[in-house]
Amino acid sequence: MKTISLKLPDKLKKGLAERAEREGTTKSALIREAIATYLSRGARCANGSFLELAGDLIGRLEGPGDLSYDKEYFKDFGR
């Protein structure tokens, strides 16, 4: 196994150490697992707003468009 080094912000380093101790493993093992999980996903997260990313879902569901204006929907709400 090859060795690499990396720099971590203090907050991330602290969280890594705490997690390793809590799980009874090493920081290196956690980092290897995280990298393996990231690489196995294949695709990167897309950039953009939620609206842009979920645009193909808009209009797929039925129901009132905006519940805040549908007074009948809130009839007996909370009873």
N, C-alpha and C. Protein backbone atom coordinates (compact mmCIF):
# COMPACT_ATOMS: atom_id res chain seq x y z
N MET A 1 0.85 -1.17 0.00
CA MET A 1 0.00 0.00 0.00
C MET A 1 0.90 1.23 0.00
N LYS A 2 0.57 2.20 -0.82
CA LYS A 2 1.33 3.44 -0.92
C LYS A 2 0.85 4.45 0.11
N THR A 3 1.72 5.37 0.46
CA THR A 3 1.40 6.42 1.42
C THR A 3 1.24 7.74 0.69
N ILE A 4 0.20 8.49 1.07
CA ILE A 4 0.03 9.86 0.59
C ILE A 4 -0.20 10.74 1.81
N SER A 5 -0.05 12.02 1.63
CA SER A 5 -0.35 12.95 2.72
C SER A 5 -1.30 14.01 2.20
N LEU A 6 -2.06 14.59 3.12
CA LEU A 6 -2.96 15.65 2.73
C LEU A 6 -3.14 16.60 3.90
N LYS A 7 -3.58 17.79 3.58
CA LYS A 7 -3.83 18.80 4.59
C LYS A 7 -5.33 18.90 4.81
N LEU A 8 -5.72 18.96 6.09
CA LEU A 8 -7.12 19.07 6.45
C LEU A 8 -7.34 20.29 7.33
N PRO A 9 -8.47 20.96 7.18
CA PRO A 9 -8.81 22.03 8.11
C PRO A 9 -8.97 21.43 9.51
N ASP A 10 -8.71 22.23 10.53
CA ASP A 10 -8.76 21.74 11.91
C ASP A 10 -10.09 21.08 12.25
N LYS A 11 -11.19 21.66 11.81
CA LYS A 11 -12.51 21.13 12.12
C LYS A 11 -12.69 19.73 11.52
N LEU A 12 -12.24 19.55 10.29
CA LEU A 12 -12.36 18.25 9.63
C LEU A 12 -11.44 17.22 10.29
N LYS A 13 -10.25 17.64 10.65
CA LYS A 13 -9.30 16.75 11.32
C LYS A 13 -9.86 16.28 12.66
N LYS A 14 -10.47 17.20 13.41
CA LYS A 14 -11.05 16.86 14.70
C LYS A 14 -12.21 15.87 14.53
N GLY A 15 -13.08 16.15 13.56
CA GLY A 15 -14.21 15.26 13.30
C GLY A 15 -13.75 13.87 12.88
N LEU A 16 -12.71 13.80 12.08
CA LEU A 16 -12.17 12.52 11.64
C LEU A 16 -11.63 11.72 12.82
N ALA A 17 -10.88 12.39 13.68
CA ALA A 17 -10.31 11.72 14.86
C ALA A 17 -11.41 11.22 15.80
N GLU A 18 -12.43 12.04 16.01
CA GLU A 18 -13.53 11.64 16.89
C GLU A 18 -14.28 10.44 16.33
N ARG A 19 -14.52 10.47 15.03
CA ARG A 19 -15.25 9.36 14.39
C ARG A 19 -14.44 8.07 14.44
N ALA A 20 -13.14 8.17 14.18
CA ALA A 20 -12.28 6.98 14.23
C ALA A 20 -12.28 6.38 15.63
N GLU A 21 -12.20 7.21 16.63
CA GLU A 21 -12.20 6.71 18.01
C GLU A 21 -13.55 6.08 18.35
N ARG A 22 -14.62 6.73 17.96
CA ARG A 22 -15.96 6.23 18.24
C ARG A 22 -16.20 4.87 17.57
N GLU A 23 -15.68 4.70 16.36
CA GLU A 23 -15.91 3.45 15.62
C GLU A 23 -14.82 2.41 15.87
N GLY A 24 -13.81 2.80 16.65
CA GLY A 24 -12.74 1.85 16.96
C GLY A 24 -11.91 1.48 15.76
N THR A 25 -11.63 2.45 14.91
CA THR A 25 -10.84 2.22 13.70
C THR A 25 -9.81 3.33 13.56
N THR A 26 -9.08 3.30 12.50
CA THR A 26 -8.06 4.33 12.29
C THR A 26 -8.58 5.43 11.38
N LYS A 27 -7.94 6.58 11.44
CA LYS A 27 -8.29 7.68 10.53
C LYS A 27 -8.02 7.26 9.09
N SER A 28 -6.94 6.54 8.88
CA SER A 28 -6.60 6.09 7.53
C SER A 28 -7.68 5.18 6.96
N ALA A 29 -8.20 4.28 7.79
CA ALA A 29 -9.25 3.37 7.33
C ALA A 29 -10.51 4.15 6.95
N LEU A 30 -10.86 5.15 7.75
CA LEU A 30 -12.03 5.96 7.42
C LEU A 30 -11.84 6.73 6.12
N ILE A 31 -10.66 7.27 5.93
CA ILE A 31 -10.37 8.02 4.70
C ILE A 31 -10.41 7.10 3.49
N ARG A 32 -9.83 5.89 3.61
CA ARG A 32 -9.88 4.93 2.49
C ARG A 32 -11.32 4.57 2.15
N GLU A 33 -12.14 4.35 3.19
CA GLU A 33 -13.55 4.00 2.96
C GLU A 33 -14.29 5.15 2.28
N ALA A 34 -14.04 6.38 2.73
CA ALA A 34 -14.71 7.54 2.13
C ALA A 34 -14.32 7.72 0.67
N ILE A 35 -13.05 7.55 0.36
CA ILE A 35 -12.59 7.68 -1.03
C ILE A 35 -13.17 6.58 -1.89
N ALA A 36 -13.19 5.35 -1.38
CA ALA A 36 -13.74 4.23 -2.14
C ALA A 36 -15.23 4.46 -2.43
N THR A 37 -15.97 4.95 -1.45
CA THR A 37 -17.40 5.24 -1.64
C THR A 37 -17.58 6.33 -2.68
N TYR A 38 -16.79 7.39 -2.59
CA TYR A 38 -16.87 8.50 -3.55
C TYR A 38 -16.58 8.00 -4.97
N LEU A 39 -15.54 7.22 -5.13
CA LEU A 39 -15.17 6.74 -6.46
C LEU A 39 -16.17 5.75 -7.02
N SER A 40 -16.83 4.98 -6.16
CA SER A 40 -17.79 3.99 -6.64
C SER A 40 -19.07 4.62 -7.17
N ARG A 41 -19.36 5.85 -6.76
CA ARG A 41 -20.56 6.53 -7.23
C ARG A 41 -20.46 6.89 -8.70
N GLY A 42 -19.28 7.08 -9.19
CA GLY A 42 -19.08 7.35 -10.61
C GLY A 42 -19.38 8.78 -11.02
N ALA A 43 -20.60 9.22 -10.85
CA ALA A 43 -20.99 10.56 -11.29
C ALA A 43 -20.79 11.56 -10.15
N ARG A 44 -20.43 12.75 -10.52
CA ARG A 44 -20.29 13.82 -9.54
C ARG A 44 -21.63 14.48 -9.34
N CYS A 45 -21.76 15.16 -8.23
CA CYS A 45 -22.98 15.92 -7.97
C CYS A 45 -23.06 17.05 -8.98
N ALA A 46 -24.24 17.26 -9.49
CA ALA A 46 -24.45 18.32 -10.47
C ALA A 46 -24.50 19.68 -9.79
N ASN A 47 -24.02 20.68 -10.47
CA ASN A 47 -24.11 22.04 -9.96
C ASN A 47 -25.40 22.67 -10.46
N GLY A 48 -25.92 23.58 -9.69
CA GLY A 48 -27.13 24.29 -10.09
C GLY A 48 -28.08 24.42 -8.92
N SER A 49 -29.11 25.19 -9.14
CA SER A 49 -30.12 25.38 -8.10
C SER A 49 -31.00 24.14 -8.02
N PHE A 50 -31.73 24.04 -6.93
CA PHE A 50 -32.66 22.92 -6.79
C PHE A 50 -33.67 22.91 -7.92
N LEU A 51 -34.16 24.09 -8.28
CA LEU A 51 -35.13 24.19 -9.36
C LEU A 51 -34.55 23.65 -10.67
N GLU A 52 -33.31 23.99 -10.97
CA GLU A 52 -32.68 23.50 -12.19
C GLU A 52 -32.48 21.98 -12.15
N LEU A 53 -32.08 21.47 -11.00
CA LEU A 53 -31.81 20.04 -10.88
C LEU A 53 -33.09 19.20 -10.85
N ALA A 54 -34.17 19.76 -10.33
CA ALA A 54 -35.43 19.02 -10.24
C ALA A 54 -36.42 19.44 -11.31
N GLY A 55 -35.97 20.18 -12.29
CA GLY A 55 -36.87 20.72 -13.32
C GLY A 55 -37.68 19.66 -14.03
N ASP A 56 -37.12 18.47 -14.23
CA ASP A 56 -37.86 17.42 -14.92
C ASP A 56 -38.97 16.83 -14.07
N LEU A 57 -39.01 17.15 -12.76
CA LEU A 57 -40.04 16.64 -11.88
C LEU A 57 -41.24 17.57 -11.76
N ILE A 58 -41.07 18.80 -12.18
CA ILE A 58 -42.13 19.80 -12.04
C ILE A 58 -43.31 19.41 -12.92
N GLY A 59 -44.49 19.41 -12.30
CA GLY A 59 -45.70 19.07 -13.02
C GLY A 59 -46.01 17.59 -13.06
N ARG A 60 -45.24 16.79 -12.39
CA ARG A 60 -45.46 15.33 -12.41
C ARG A 60 -46.47 14.88 -11.36
N LEU A 61 -46.72 15.70 -10.35
CA LEU A 61 -47.63 15.32 -9.29
C LEU A 61 -48.94 16.08 -9.40
N GLU A 62 -49.99 15.49 -8.87
CA GLU A 62 -51.28 16.14 -8.87
C GLU A 62 -51.56 16.69 -7.48
N GLY A 63 -52.34 17.73 -7.43
CA GLY A 63 -52.70 18.32 -6.16
C GLY A 63 -52.72 19.83 -6.29
N PRO A 64 -53.09 20.52 -5.20
CA PRO A 64 -53.11 21.97 -5.26
C PRO A 64 -51.72 22.52 -5.53
N GLY A 65 -51.65 23.53 -6.34
CA GLY A 65 -50.36 24.11 -6.69
C GLY A 65 -49.67 24.79 -5.54
N ASP A 66 -50.42 25.49 -4.71
CA ASP A 66 -49.84 26.23 -3.60
C ASP A 66 -50.81 26.15 -2.43
N LEU A 67 -50.49 25.34 -1.45
CA LEU A 67 -51.40 25.11 -0.33
C LEU A 67 -51.65 26.35 0.50
N SER A 68 -50.76 27.32 0.45
CA SER A 68 -50.95 28.51 1.26
C SER A 68 -52.14 29.34 0.80
N TYR A 69 -52.59 29.16 -0.43
CA TYR A 69 -53.72 29.92 -0.94
C TYR A 69 -55.01 29.10 -0.98
N ASP A 70 -54.91 27.82 -0.67
CA ASP A 70 -56.07 26.94 -0.74
C ASP A 70 -56.71 26.83 0.65
N LYS A 71 -57.62 27.75 0.96
CA LYS A 71 -58.23 27.81 2.28
C LYS A 71 -59.03 26.54 2.59
N GLU A 72 -59.64 25.94 1.58
CA GLU A 72 -60.42 24.72 1.79
C GLU A 72 -59.52 23.58 2.27
N TYR A 73 -58.31 23.54 1.79
CA TYR A 73 -57.36 22.49 2.17
C TYR A 73 -57.07 22.57 3.67
N PHE A 74 -57.04 23.77 4.23
CA PHE A 74 -56.71 23.94 5.64
C PHE A 74 -57.93 23.88 6.55
N LYS A 75 -59.10 23.65 5.99
CA LYS A 75 -60.31 23.54 6.81
C LYS A 75 -60.12 22.39 7.80
N ASP A 76 -60.39 22.63 9.06
CA ASP A 76 -60.24 21.64 10.14
C ASP A 76 -58.80 21.24 10.39
N PHE A 77 -57.85 22.01 9.91
CA PHE A 77 -56.44 21.70 10.13
C PHE A 77 -56.11 21.87 11.61
N GLY A 78 -55.45 20.90 12.20
CA GLY A 78 -55.02 20.98 13.58
C GLY A 78 -56.06 20.54 14.59
N ARG A 79 -57.18 20.02 14.13
CA ARG A 79 -58.20 19.54 15.06
C ARG A 79 -58.10 18.07 15.29
